[in-house]
Amino acid sequence: MAGIGLDRPQARQDRSVRVAAIAAIVGLGAYVGGWWLAGSVRDGYDPREQAISELFELGAPWTSRGWVVAGLLLSGVALIAFGPALDRGLPGTGRLGPLLVVTSGVFTVLVVGAPCSPGCPGTGSAFNDTAHTITAGVGYASLVTAPLAFAWRLRQVAPRLAAWSWTLGGVAVAGFAIRYLGVLPQWLGAQQRLFNTIADLWYLLVAIHLLRQP
């Protein structure tokens, strides 16, 4: 009886990790699918040049805004749950990675309440534009740096997963820096989607890793 009693909390923990991993896959898939679908139905929208945020800017039609807002909310909530699940499900020590994942989720939810002005002119144009820049910037920065924090945590206990984390995280961070430092002034929308999707691939990878554990 003592053994059964001890097994139950562990079983509940394992189930919660698996549920959070599935939620992360669904949430991030909803976000990517949301901005892809919204961009395809928005007249005159060019995903190569325009930011994802322009799809839910002030005054945007709900035919595009609704898809992106739903994807942001789903992915944000999923990331908030996924951070603690990664801490429980992955080996190693260090809480920076899980904290960054949760931070990304929180600011992904907050950005919904701070849509930018038409065209997303950036910081200083209006209060909502400054708020949008801050929430989106913190959310993205946390999203792309979390894989590197986990790479450091996993470097000795799971070197293969750490190598994937270094690679995908490094490329995502480099893409984020190139986009927001204005290194390449063309195809800014494509740059945003590229580094965002590369980071999402890491979350997909670790979610599948957790689901494959016995």
N, C-alpha and C. Protein backbone atom coordinates (compact mmCIF):
# COMPACT_ATOMS: atom_id res chain seq x y z
N MET A 1 0.82 -1.21 0.00
CA MET A 1 0.00 0.00 0.00
C MET A 1 0.85 1.25 0.00
N ALA A 2 1.97 1.21 0.72
CA ALA A 2 2.84 2.37 0.74
C ALA A 2 3.39 2.65 -0.65
N GLY A 3 3.75 1.57 -1.36
CA GLY A 3 4.28 1.77 -2.71
C GLY A 3 3.25 2.39 -3.64
N ILE A 4 2.01 1.91 -3.54
CA ILE A 4 0.95 2.48 -4.39
C ILE A 4 0.75 3.95 -4.06
N GLY A 5 0.76 4.27 -2.79
CA GLY A 5 0.55 5.66 -2.40
C GLY A 5 1.64 6.57 -2.93
N LEU A 6 2.88 6.07 -2.97
CA LEU A 6 3.98 6.88 -3.45
C LEU A 6 3.93 7.03 -4.96
N ASP A 7 3.37 6.05 -5.65
CA ASP A 7 3.33 6.10 -7.10
C ASP A 7 2.30 7.10 -7.61
N ARG A 8 1.26 7.34 -6.87
CA ARG A 8 0.18 8.17 -7.38
C ARG A 8 0.59 9.61 -7.69
N PRO A 9 1.31 10.31 -6.78
CA PRO A 9 1.74 11.66 -7.13
C PRO A 9 2.62 11.68 -8.37
N GLN A 10 3.52 10.68 -8.51
CA GLN A 10 4.38 10.63 -9.68
C GLN A 10 3.55 10.43 -10.94
N ALA A 11 2.54 9.58 -10.88
CA ALA A 11 1.69 9.36 -12.04
C ALA A 11 0.94 10.63 -12.43
N ARG A 12 0.45 11.36 -11.41
CA ARG A 12 -0.23 12.62 -11.71
C ARG A 12 0.73 13.63 -12.34
N GLN A 13 1.98 13.65 -11.83
CA GLN A 13 2.97 14.57 -12.38
C GLN A 13 3.27 14.21 -13.83
N ASP A 14 3.43 12.91 -14.12
CA ASP A 14 3.71 12.49 -15.49
C ASP A 14 2.57 12.88 -16.42
N ARG A 15 1.34 12.71 -15.97
CA ARG A 15 0.20 13.08 -16.81
C ARG A 15 0.17 14.59 -17.05
N SER A 16 0.48 15.37 -16.02
CA SER A 16 0.45 16.83 -16.19
C SER A 16 1.52 17.28 -17.18
N VAL A 17 2.67 16.64 -17.17
CA VAL A 17 3.73 16.98 -18.12
C VAL A 17 3.28 16.65 -19.54
N ARG A 18 2.67 15.50 -19.73
CA ARG A 18 2.21 15.11 -21.06
C ARG A 18 1.09 16.01 -21.55
N VAL A 19 0.18 16.38 -20.67
CA VAL A 19 -0.91 17.28 -21.05
C VAL A 19 -0.35 18.64 -21.46
N ALA A 20 0.62 19.15 -20.70
CA ALA A 20 1.23 20.43 -21.03
C ALA A 20 1.98 20.36 -22.36
N ALA A 21 2.63 19.23 -22.63
CA ALA A 21 3.34 19.08 -23.90
C ALA A 21 2.36 19.08 -25.07
N ILE A 22 1.25 18.38 -24.92
CA ILE A 22 0.22 18.38 -25.98
C ILE A 22 -0.35 19.78 -26.16
N ALA A 23 -0.60 20.48 -25.05
CA ALA A 23 -1.13 21.84 -25.13
C ALA A 23 -0.16 22.76 -25.85
N ALA A 24 1.14 22.59 -25.62
CA ALA A 24 2.13 23.42 -26.30
C ALA A 24 2.10 23.19 -27.80
N ILE A 25 1.99 21.94 -28.21
CA ILE A 25 1.92 21.63 -29.64
C ILE A 25 0.68 22.25 -30.26
N VAL A 26 -0.45 22.10 -29.60
CA VAL A 26 -1.71 22.65 -30.11
C VAL A 26 -1.67 24.17 -30.12
N GLY A 27 -1.19 24.77 -29.02
CA GLY A 27 -1.17 26.23 -28.92
C GLY A 27 -0.27 26.88 -29.93
N LEU A 28 0.95 26.38 -30.08
CA LEU A 28 1.87 26.96 -31.06
C LEU A 28 1.40 26.69 -32.48
N GLY A 29 0.79 25.54 -32.70
CA GLY A 29 0.21 25.27 -34.01
C GLY A 29 -0.92 26.22 -34.33
N ALA A 30 -1.73 26.54 -33.33
CA ALA A 30 -2.82 27.49 -33.53
C ALA A 30 -2.29 28.88 -33.84
N TYR A 31 -1.20 29.27 -33.20
CA TYR A 31 -0.61 30.59 -33.47
C TYR A 31 -0.08 30.67 -34.90
N VAL A 32 0.72 29.68 -35.30
CA VAL A 32 1.26 29.68 -36.66
C VAL A 32 0.14 29.61 -37.69
N GLY A 33 -0.81 28.71 -37.45
CA GLY A 33 -1.94 28.60 -38.37
C GLY A 33 -2.77 29.87 -38.40
N GLY A 34 -2.88 30.55 -37.24
CA GLY A 34 -3.66 31.78 -37.16
C GLY A 34 -3.09 32.89 -38.01
N TRP A 35 -1.76 33.15 -37.86
CA TRP A 35 -1.21 34.24 -38.67
C TRP A 35 -1.11 33.86 -40.15
N TRP A 36 -0.94 32.59 -40.45
CA TRP A 36 -0.93 32.19 -41.86
C TRP A 36 -2.30 32.39 -42.49
N LEU A 37 -3.36 31.93 -41.80
CA LEU A 37 -4.70 32.06 -42.34
C LEU A 37 -5.13 33.52 -42.41
N ALA A 38 -4.83 34.29 -41.35
CA ALA A 38 -5.20 35.70 -41.33
C ALA A 38 -4.53 36.46 -42.47
N GLY A 39 -3.27 36.17 -42.71
CA GLY A 39 -2.57 36.85 -43.80
C GLY A 39 -3.10 36.49 -45.16
N SER A 40 -3.62 35.28 -45.31
CA SER A 40 -4.13 34.85 -46.61
C SER A 40 -5.49 35.46 -46.93
N VAL A 41 -6.25 35.86 -45.90
CA VAL A 41 -7.58 36.42 -46.16
C VAL A 41 -7.60 37.95 -46.09
N ARG A 42 -6.51 38.57 -45.65
CA ARG A 42 -6.46 40.03 -45.52
C ARG A 42 -6.07 40.63 -46.86
N ASP A 43 -6.97 41.42 -47.46
CA ASP A 43 -6.70 42.03 -48.75
C ASP A 43 -5.53 43.01 -48.67
N GLY A 44 -4.61 42.88 -49.61
CA GLY A 44 -3.48 43.80 -49.69
C GLY A 44 -2.36 43.53 -48.72
N TYR A 45 -2.48 42.50 -47.92
CA TYR A 45 -1.45 42.21 -46.92
C TYR A 45 -0.32 41.41 -47.55
N ASP A 46 0.93 41.84 -47.29
CA ASP A 46 2.11 41.17 -47.83
C ASP A 46 2.91 40.58 -46.67
N PRO A 47 2.86 39.28 -46.45
CA PRO A 47 3.56 38.67 -45.31
C PRO A 47 5.07 38.78 -45.42
N ARG A 48 5.59 39.05 -46.59
CA ARG A 48 7.04 39.20 -46.73
C ARG A 48 7.53 40.51 -46.12
N GLU A 49 6.69 41.53 -46.16
CA GLU A 49 7.10 42.86 -45.71
C GLU A 49 6.41 43.32 -44.42
N GLN A 50 5.22 42.81 -44.16
CA GLN A 50 4.44 43.31 -43.03
C GLN A 50 4.52 42.38 -41.82
N ALA A 51 4.48 42.99 -40.64
CA ALA A 51 4.60 42.23 -39.40
C ALA A 51 3.32 41.47 -39.09
N ILE A 52 3.46 40.43 -38.29
CA ILE A 52 2.30 39.68 -37.84
C ILE A 52 1.35 40.59 -37.06
N SER A 53 1.92 41.52 -36.29
CA SER A 53 1.10 42.41 -35.46
C SER A 53 0.12 43.24 -36.27
N GLU A 54 0.45 43.51 -37.53
CA GLU A 54 -0.46 44.30 -38.37
C GLU A 54 -1.75 43.57 -38.67
N LEU A 55 -1.75 42.27 -38.46
CA LEU A 55 -2.97 41.50 -38.71
C LEU A 55 -4.01 41.71 -37.61
N PHE A 56 -3.57 42.18 -36.42
CA PHE A 56 -4.55 42.48 -35.37
C PHE A 56 -4.37 43.91 -34.85
N GLU A 57 -3.90 44.80 -35.73
CA GLU A 57 -3.75 46.21 -35.38
C GLU A 57 -5.12 46.84 -35.13
N LEU A 58 -5.12 48.03 -34.55
CA LEU A 58 -6.37 48.74 -34.32
C LEU A 58 -7.09 48.97 -35.64
N GLY A 59 -8.34 48.61 -35.67
CA GLY A 59 -9.13 48.77 -36.89
C GLY A 59 -9.04 47.63 -37.87
N ALA A 60 -8.24 46.61 -37.55
CA ALA A 60 -8.13 45.46 -38.46
C ALA A 60 -9.45 44.70 -38.50
N PRO A 61 -9.84 44.19 -39.66
CA PRO A 61 -11.09 43.42 -39.74
C PRO A 61 -10.99 42.13 -38.93
N TRP A 62 -12.11 41.71 -38.36
CA TRP A 62 -12.09 40.51 -37.54
C TRP A 62 -11.84 39.25 -38.34
N THR A 63 -11.99 39.34 -39.66
CA THR A 63 -11.67 38.18 -40.48
C THR A 63 -10.19 37.83 -40.40
N SER A 64 -9.35 38.82 -40.11
CA SER A 64 -7.93 38.53 -39.89
C SER A 64 -7.58 38.63 -38.41
N ARG A 65 -8.12 39.62 -37.72
CA ARG A 65 -7.75 39.85 -36.31
C ARG A 65 -8.14 38.68 -35.42
N GLY A 66 -9.32 38.13 -35.65
CA GLY A 66 -9.80 37.06 -34.79
C GLY A 66 -8.90 35.85 -34.78
N TRP A 67 -8.38 35.46 -35.94
CA TRP A 67 -7.52 34.28 -36.02
C TRP A 67 -6.23 34.48 -35.24
N VAL A 68 -5.63 35.67 -35.38
CA VAL A 68 -4.35 35.92 -34.70
C VAL A 68 -4.55 36.04 -33.19
N VAL A 69 -5.60 36.75 -32.77
CA VAL A 69 -5.86 36.90 -31.34
C VAL A 69 -6.10 35.53 -30.70
N ALA A 70 -6.88 34.69 -31.34
CA ALA A 70 -7.13 33.34 -30.81
C ALA A 70 -5.83 32.55 -30.70
N GLY A 71 -5.00 32.63 -31.74
CA GLY A 71 -3.73 31.91 -31.71
C GLY A 71 -2.80 32.42 -30.63
N LEU A 72 -2.75 33.75 -30.43
CA LEU A 72 -1.91 34.32 -29.39
C LEU A 72 -2.36 33.86 -28.00
N LEU A 73 -3.66 33.90 -27.76
CA LEU A 73 -4.17 33.51 -26.44
C LEU A 73 -3.90 32.03 -26.17
N LEU A 74 -4.17 31.19 -27.15
CA LEU A 74 -3.94 29.76 -26.96
C LEU A 74 -2.47 29.44 -26.73
N SER A 75 -1.61 30.04 -27.54
CA SER A 75 -0.18 29.76 -27.39
C SER A 75 0.37 30.35 -26.10
N GLY A 76 -0.11 31.53 -25.71
CA GLY A 76 0.36 32.14 -24.47
C GLY A 76 0.02 31.31 -23.25
N VAL A 77 -1.22 30.87 -23.16
CA VAL A 77 -1.64 30.03 -22.03
C VAL A 77 -0.88 28.70 -22.04
N ALA A 78 -0.68 28.14 -23.23
CA ALA A 78 0.04 26.88 -23.33
C ALA A 78 1.49 27.03 -22.86
N LEU A 79 2.14 28.14 -23.21
CA LEU A 79 3.52 28.35 -22.79
C LEU A 79 3.62 28.54 -21.27
N ILE A 80 2.64 29.21 -20.69
CA ILE A 80 2.63 29.40 -19.23
C ILE A 80 2.60 28.04 -18.53
N ALA A 81 1.83 27.10 -19.06
CA ALA A 81 1.76 25.76 -18.49
C ALA A 81 2.98 24.92 -18.85
N PHE A 82 3.58 25.20 -20.00
CA PHE A 82 4.68 24.37 -20.50
C PHE A 82 5.98 24.62 -19.73
N GLY A 83 6.19 25.84 -19.24
CA GLY A 83 7.42 26.13 -18.51
C GLY A 83 7.63 25.21 -17.32
N PRO A 84 6.67 25.13 -16.38
CA PRO A 84 6.83 24.21 -15.25
C PRO A 84 6.91 22.75 -15.69
N ALA A 85 6.20 22.39 -16.76
CA ALA A 85 6.25 21.01 -17.23
C ALA A 85 7.65 20.66 -17.74
N LEU A 86 8.30 21.60 -18.42
CA LEU A 86 9.67 21.36 -18.87
C LEU A 86 10.62 21.22 -17.69
N ASP A 87 10.37 21.99 -16.65
CA ASP A 87 11.22 21.90 -15.47
C ASP A 87 11.09 20.52 -14.82
N ARG A 88 9.88 19.98 -14.79
CA ARG A 88 9.65 18.65 -14.20
C ARG A 88 10.07 17.52 -15.14
N GLY A 89 9.89 17.72 -16.42
CA GLY A 89 10.08 16.63 -17.35
C GLY A 89 11.47 16.48 -17.92
N LEU A 90 12.28 17.55 -17.91
CA LEU A 90 13.62 17.48 -18.46
C LEU A 90 14.65 17.36 -17.34
N PRO A 91 15.73 16.66 -17.60
CA PRO A 91 16.76 16.50 -16.56
C PRO A 91 17.57 17.78 -16.39
N GLY A 92 18.48 17.74 -15.42
CA GLY A 92 19.34 18.89 -15.17
C GLY A 92 18.73 19.84 -14.16
N THR A 93 19.51 20.85 -13.83
CA THR A 93 19.07 21.85 -12.87
C THR A 93 19.18 23.24 -13.46
N GLY A 94 18.46 24.17 -12.87
CA GLY A 94 18.46 25.54 -13.37
C GLY A 94 17.06 25.93 -13.79
N ARG A 95 16.57 27.03 -13.25
CA ARG A 95 15.19 27.45 -13.50
C ARG A 95 15.07 28.58 -14.52
N LEU A 96 16.19 29.03 -15.11
CA LEU A 96 16.10 30.15 -16.05
C LEU A 96 15.28 29.78 -17.27
N GLY A 97 15.50 28.59 -17.82
CA GLY A 97 14.75 28.17 -19.00
C GLY A 97 13.25 28.15 -18.77
N PRO A 98 12.77 27.44 -17.73
CA PRO A 98 11.33 27.44 -17.46
C PRO A 98 10.78 28.85 -17.22
N LEU A 99 11.56 29.70 -16.53
CA LEU A 99 11.10 31.05 -16.26
C LEU A 99 10.94 31.84 -17.56
N LEU A 100 11.86 31.66 -18.50
CA LEU A 100 11.77 32.36 -19.78
C LEU A 100 10.55 31.88 -20.58
N VAL A 101 10.26 30.60 -20.52
CA VAL A 101 9.09 30.07 -21.23
C VAL A 101 7.81 30.67 -20.65
N VAL A 102 7.71 30.70 -19.33
CA VAL A 102 6.53 31.29 -18.70
C VAL A 102 6.43 32.78 -19.02
N THR A 103 7.56 33.49 -18.98
CA THR A 103 7.56 34.91 -19.31
C THR A 103 7.08 35.16 -20.73
N SER A 104 7.53 34.33 -21.65
CA SER A 104 7.06 34.46 -23.03
C SER A 104 5.56 34.26 -23.12
N GLY A 105 5.04 33.29 -22.39
CA GLY A 105 3.60 33.05 -22.40
C GLY A 105 2.82 34.21 -21.83
N VAL A 106 3.30 34.78 -20.71
CA VAL A 106 2.60 35.90 -20.08
C VAL A 106 2.55 37.10 -21.03
N PHE A 107 3.67 37.43 -21.64
CA PHE A 107 3.70 38.61 -22.51
C PHE A 107 3.01 38.35 -23.85
N THR A 108 2.91 37.09 -24.25
CA THR A 108 2.12 36.77 -25.44
C THR A 108 0.65 37.05 -25.19
N VAL A 109 0.18 36.73 -23.99
CA VAL A 109 -1.20 37.05 -23.64
C VAL A 109 -1.39 38.57 -23.52
N LEU A 110 -0.42 39.25 -22.90
CA LEU A 110 -0.54 40.70 -22.69
C LEU A 110 -0.55 41.48 -24.00
N VAL A 111 0.15 40.99 -25.02
CA VAL A 111 0.22 41.75 -26.27
C VAL A 111 -1.14 41.85 -26.95
N VAL A 112 -2.02 40.90 -26.64
CA VAL A 112 -3.38 40.95 -27.20
C VAL A 112 -4.09 42.22 -26.75
N GLY A 113 -3.81 42.65 -25.51
CA GLY A 113 -4.43 43.86 -24.98
C GLY A 113 -3.74 45.13 -25.38
N ALA A 114 -2.69 45.03 -26.21
CA ALA A 114 -1.96 46.22 -26.65
C ALA A 114 -1.74 46.19 -28.15
N PRO A 115 -2.82 46.19 -28.94
CA PRO A 115 -2.66 46.20 -30.39
C PRO A 115 -2.02 47.50 -30.86
N CYS A 116 -1.23 47.44 -31.90
CA CYS A 116 -0.55 48.63 -32.40
C CYS A 116 -1.49 49.46 -33.28
N SER A 117 -1.09 50.69 -33.53
CA SER A 117 -1.82 51.54 -34.48
C SER A 117 -1.63 50.99 -35.89
N PRO A 118 -2.47 51.38 -36.84
CA PRO A 118 -2.33 50.87 -38.21
C PRO A 118 -0.91 51.06 -38.75
N GLY A 119 -0.34 49.98 -39.25
CA GLY A 119 1.02 50.02 -39.76
C GLY A 119 2.07 49.75 -38.72
N CYS A 120 1.69 49.67 -37.44
CA CYS A 120 2.62 49.40 -36.33
C CYS A 120 3.85 50.31 -36.39
N PRO A 121 3.65 51.63 -36.14
CA PRO A 121 4.76 52.59 -36.28
C PRO A 121 5.86 52.45 -35.25
N GLY A 122 5.61 51.78 -34.13
CA GLY A 122 6.68 51.54 -33.16
C GLY A 122 6.61 52.44 -31.95
N THR A 123 7.63 52.32 -31.10
CA THR A 123 7.68 53.02 -29.83
C THR A 123 7.64 54.53 -30.01
N GLY A 124 6.87 55.20 -29.15
CA GLY A 124 6.82 56.65 -29.14
C GLY A 124 5.70 57.25 -29.96
N SER A 125 5.10 56.49 -30.85
CA SER A 125 4.03 57.02 -31.69
C SER A 125 2.78 57.28 -30.85
N ALA A 126 2.45 56.37 -29.97
CA ALA A 126 1.31 56.50 -29.08
C ALA A 126 1.53 55.53 -27.93
N PHE A 127 0.75 55.70 -26.85
CA PHE A 127 0.93 54.83 -25.69
C PHE A 127 0.73 53.37 -26.06
N ASN A 128 -0.30 53.08 -26.85
CA ASN A 128 -0.56 51.68 -27.20
C ASN A 128 0.55 51.10 -28.06
N ASP A 129 1.20 51.95 -28.89
CA ASP A 129 2.31 51.45 -29.70
C ASP A 129 3.53 51.14 -28.84
N THR A 130 3.78 51.98 -27.85
CA THR A 130 4.88 51.71 -26.92
C THR A 130 4.61 50.43 -26.14
N ALA A 131 3.37 50.29 -25.65
CA ALA A 131 3.00 49.09 -24.91
C ALA A 131 3.12 47.85 -25.79
N HIS A 132 2.72 47.99 -27.04
CA HIS A 132 2.81 46.86 -27.96
C HIS A 132 4.27 46.46 -28.20
N THR A 133 5.12 47.45 -28.41
CA THR A 133 6.53 47.16 -28.65
C THR A 133 7.16 46.46 -27.46
N ILE A 134 6.83 46.90 -26.25
CA ILE A 134 7.40 46.30 -25.05
C ILE A 134 6.90 44.87 -24.86
N THR A 135 5.59 44.67 -24.93
CA THR A 135 5.04 43.33 -24.70
C THR A 135 5.49 42.35 -25.78
N ALA A 136 5.46 42.77 -27.03
CA ALA A 136 5.90 41.88 -28.12
C ALA A 136 7.39 41.61 -28.02
N GLY A 137 8.18 42.65 -27.70
CA GLY A 137 9.62 42.48 -27.62
C GLY A 137 10.04 41.53 -26.50
N VAL A 138 9.45 41.71 -25.32
CA VAL A 138 9.78 40.82 -24.19
C VAL A 138 9.32 39.40 -24.49
N GLY A 139 8.13 39.27 -25.07
CA GLY A 139 7.62 37.94 -25.41
C GLY A 139 8.52 37.22 -26.39
N TYR A 140 8.94 37.91 -27.44
CA TYR A 140 9.81 37.28 -28.44
C TYR A 140 11.20 36.99 -27.87
N ALA A 141 11.76 37.96 -27.12
CA ALA A 141 13.10 37.76 -26.56
C ALA A 141 13.12 36.54 -25.63
N SER A 142 12.08 36.38 -24.83
CA SER A 142 12.00 35.22 -23.93
C SER A 142 11.83 33.94 -24.72
N LEU A 143 11.01 34.00 -25.76
CA LEU A 143 10.74 32.81 -26.58
C LEU A 143 12.01 32.26 -27.21
N VAL A 144 12.85 33.15 -27.76
CA VAL A 144 14.03 32.68 -28.51
C VAL A 144 15.23 32.37 -27.62
N THR A 145 15.29 32.96 -26.41
CA THR A 145 16.43 32.70 -25.54
C THR A 145 16.22 31.49 -24.63
N ALA A 146 14.97 31.09 -24.42
CA ALA A 146 14.71 29.92 -23.58
C ALA A 146 15.43 28.66 -24.07
N PRO A 147 15.47 28.37 -25.38
CA PRO A 147 16.21 27.18 -25.82
C PRO A 147 17.68 27.20 -25.42
N LEU A 148 18.30 28.38 -25.41
CA LEU A 148 19.71 28.46 -25.01
C LEU A 148 19.88 28.19 -23.52
N ALA A 149 18.94 28.68 -22.72
CA ALA A 149 18.99 28.40 -21.28
C ALA A 149 18.84 26.90 -21.02
N PHE A 150 17.97 26.25 -21.78
CA PHE A 150 17.82 24.80 -21.62
C PHE A 150 19.02 24.06 -22.17
N ALA A 151 19.65 24.58 -23.21
CA ALA A 151 20.86 23.95 -23.74
C ALA A 151 21.94 23.89 -22.67
N TRP A 152 22.08 24.96 -21.90
CA TRP A 152 23.06 24.99 -20.81
C TRP A 152 22.67 23.99 -19.72
N ARG A 153 21.40 23.93 -19.41
CA ARG A 153 20.93 23.00 -18.38
C ARG A 153 21.15 21.55 -18.80
N LEU A 154 21.00 21.25 -20.08
CA LEU A 154 21.04 19.87 -20.57
C LEU A 154 22.42 19.44 -21.05
N ARG A 155 23.39 20.33 -21.03
CA ARG A 155 24.66 20.09 -21.71
C ARG A 155 25.38 18.82 -21.23
N GLN A 156 25.21 18.46 -19.98
CA GLN A 156 25.90 17.28 -19.44
C GLN A 156 25.00 16.06 -19.32
N VAL A 157 23.72 16.29 -19.06
CA VAL A 157 22.82 15.16 -18.81
C VAL A 157 22.09 14.68 -20.06
N ALA A 158 21.98 15.52 -21.07
CA ALA A 158 21.32 15.15 -22.33
C ALA A 158 21.99 15.90 -23.47
N PRO A 159 23.23 15.53 -23.81
CA PRO A 159 24.01 16.31 -24.77
C PRO A 159 23.40 16.40 -26.17
N ARG A 160 22.70 15.36 -26.59
CA ARG A 160 22.10 15.42 -27.93
C ARG A 160 20.98 16.45 -27.98
N LEU A 161 20.11 16.44 -26.96
CA LEU A 161 19.04 17.43 -26.91
C LEU A 161 19.62 18.82 -26.70
N ALA A 162 20.71 18.90 -25.95
CA ALA A 162 21.38 20.19 -25.75
C ALA A 162 21.91 20.73 -27.06
N ALA A 163 22.46 19.84 -27.92
CA ALA A 163 22.99 20.28 -29.20
C ALA A 163 21.89 20.87 -30.08
N TRP A 164 20.74 20.21 -30.12
CA TRP A 164 19.60 20.76 -30.86
C TRP A 164 19.15 22.09 -30.28
N SER A 165 19.21 22.21 -28.97
CA SER A 165 18.80 23.44 -28.31
C SER A 165 19.76 24.58 -28.64
N TRP A 166 21.06 24.30 -28.61
CA TRP A 166 22.04 25.31 -29.00
C TRP A 166 21.80 25.76 -30.44
N THR A 167 21.57 24.79 -31.33
CA THR A 167 21.44 25.11 -32.76
C THR A 167 20.19 25.93 -33.04
N LEU A 168 19.03 25.41 -32.65
CA LEU A 168 17.77 26.11 -32.93
C LEU A 168 17.69 27.43 -32.16
N GLY A 169 18.12 27.41 -30.90
CA GLY A 169 18.10 28.64 -30.13
C GLY A 169 19.04 29.68 -30.68
N GLY A 170 20.24 29.26 -31.07
CA GLY A 170 21.20 30.21 -31.63
C GLY A 170 20.72 30.84 -32.91
N VAL A 171 20.15 30.03 -33.79
CA VAL A 171 19.64 30.57 -35.06
C VAL A 171 18.47 31.51 -34.80
N ALA A 172 17.59 31.13 -33.88
CA ALA A 172 16.43 31.98 -33.56
C ALA A 172 16.87 33.32 -32.98
N VAL A 173 17.83 33.30 -32.06
CA VAL A 173 18.33 34.54 -31.46
C VAL A 173 18.99 35.41 -32.53
N ALA A 174 19.78 34.80 -33.40
CA ALA A 174 20.43 35.56 -34.47
C ALA A 174 19.38 36.20 -35.39
N GLY A 175 18.35 35.43 -35.74
CA GLY A 175 17.28 35.98 -36.58
C GLY A 175 16.54 37.11 -35.91
N PHE A 176 16.29 36.95 -34.61
CA PHE A 176 15.63 38.01 -33.84
C PHE A 176 16.46 39.29 -33.84
N ALA A 177 17.77 39.14 -33.62
CA ALA A 177 18.65 40.30 -33.60
C ALA A 177 18.71 40.98 -34.98
N ILE A 178 18.83 40.19 -36.02
CA ILE A 178 18.88 40.75 -37.38
C ILE A 178 17.61 41.52 -37.69
N ARG A 179 16.47 40.95 -37.31
CA ARG A 179 15.18 41.61 -37.61
C ARG A 179 15.04 42.92 -36.86
N TYR A 180 15.32 42.93 -35.57
CA TYR A 180 15.01 44.10 -34.76
C TYR A 180 16.14 45.12 -34.68
N LEU A 181 17.33 44.75 -35.16
CA LEU A 181 18.40 45.73 -35.29
C LEU A 181 18.40 46.37 -36.68
N GLY A 182 17.53 45.87 -37.56
CA GLY A 182 17.42 46.45 -38.90
C GLY A 182 18.60 46.17 -39.79
N VAL A 183 19.27 45.04 -39.58
CA VAL A 183 20.44 44.70 -40.39
C VAL A 183 20.06 44.53 -41.85
N LEU A 184 18.93 43.86 -42.08
CA LEU A 184 18.42 43.66 -43.44
C LEU A 184 17.08 44.38 -43.55
N PRO A 185 17.02 45.50 -44.26
CA PRO A 185 15.79 46.30 -44.27
C PRO A 185 14.68 45.73 -45.16
N GLN A 186 14.97 44.72 -45.94
CA GLN A 186 13.94 44.14 -46.81
C GLN A 186 13.35 42.88 -46.17
N TRP A 187 12.11 42.60 -46.56
CA TRP A 187 11.41 41.39 -46.16
C TRP A 187 11.39 41.23 -44.63
N LEU A 188 11.00 42.29 -43.97
CA LEU A 188 10.96 42.26 -42.51
C LEU A 188 9.92 41.28 -41.97
N GLY A 189 8.80 41.18 -42.67
CA GLY A 189 7.78 40.22 -42.24
C GLY A 189 8.27 38.79 -42.36
N ALA A 190 8.99 38.49 -43.43
CA ALA A 190 9.52 37.14 -43.60
C ALA A 190 10.58 36.84 -42.54
N GLN A 191 11.39 37.84 -42.20
CA GLN A 191 12.40 37.64 -41.16
C GLN A 191 11.75 37.31 -39.82
N GLN A 192 10.69 38.04 -39.49
CA GLN A 192 9.98 37.78 -38.23
C GLN A 192 9.43 36.36 -38.20
N ARG A 193 8.79 35.97 -39.27
CA ARG A 193 8.20 34.63 -39.33
C ARG A 193 9.26 33.55 -39.27
N LEU A 194 10.42 33.82 -39.84
CA LEU A 194 11.47 32.81 -39.88
C LEU A 194 12.03 32.54 -38.48
N PHE A 195 12.45 33.59 -37.75
CA PHE A 195 13.03 33.33 -36.43
C PHE A 195 11.97 32.81 -35.46
N ASN A 196 10.72 33.27 -35.63
CA ASN A 196 9.63 32.80 -34.78
C ASN A 196 9.39 31.31 -35.00
N THR A 197 9.35 30.89 -36.24
CA THR A 197 9.09 29.49 -36.56
C THR A 197 10.23 28.58 -36.13
N ILE A 198 11.47 29.06 -36.27
CA ILE A 198 12.62 28.27 -35.83
C ILE A 198 12.55 28.05 -34.32
N ALA A 199 12.21 29.10 -33.57
CA ALA A 199 12.04 28.93 -32.13
C ALA A 199 10.91 27.95 -31.82
N ASP A 200 9.80 28.08 -32.55
CA ASP A 200 8.67 27.17 -32.33
C ASP A 200 9.07 25.72 -32.59
N LEU A 201 9.99 25.49 -33.53
CA LEU A 201 10.45 24.13 -33.81
C LEU A 201 11.12 23.52 -32.59
N TRP A 202 11.84 24.34 -31.82
CA TRP A 202 12.46 23.81 -30.61
C TRP A 202 11.39 23.37 -29.61
N TYR A 203 10.36 24.20 -29.44
CA TYR A 203 9.28 23.84 -28.50
C TYR A 203 8.58 22.56 -28.96
N LEU A 204 8.39 22.43 -30.26
CA LEU A 204 7.81 21.21 -30.80
C LEU A 204 8.71 20.01 -30.52
N LEU A 205 10.01 20.20 -30.71
CA LEU A 205 10.97 19.12 -30.49
C LEU A 205 10.94 18.63 -29.04
N VAL A 206 10.99 19.56 -28.09
CA VAL A 206 11.03 19.12 -26.69
C VAL A 206 9.67 18.57 -26.24
N ALA A 207 8.58 19.07 -26.83
CA ALA A 207 7.27 18.53 -26.50
C ALA A 207 7.18 17.07 -26.95
N ILE A 208 7.64 16.79 -28.16
CA ILE A 208 7.64 15.42 -28.66
C ILE A 208 8.57 14.56 -27.82
N HIS A 209 9.71 15.12 -27.43
CA HIS A 209 10.64 14.39 -26.56
C HIS A 209 9.97 13.96 -25.26
N LEU A 210 9.22 14.87 -24.66
CA LEU A 210 8.53 14.53 -23.41
C LEU A 210 7.45 13.47 -23.64
N LEU A 211 6.74 13.57 -24.75
CA LEU A 211 5.67 12.61 -25.03
C LEU A 211 6.22 11.22 -25.32
N ARG A 212 7.45 11.14 -25.77
CA ARG A 212 8.04 9.83 -26.10
C ARG A 212 8.68 9.16 -24.88
N GLN A 213 8.75 9.89 -23.77
CA GLN A 213 9.33 9.26 -22.58
C GLN A 213 8.38 8.18 -22.05
N PRO A 214 8.93 7.08 -21.53
CA PRO A 214 8.08 6.00 -21.00
C PRO A 214 7.34 6.45 -19.75
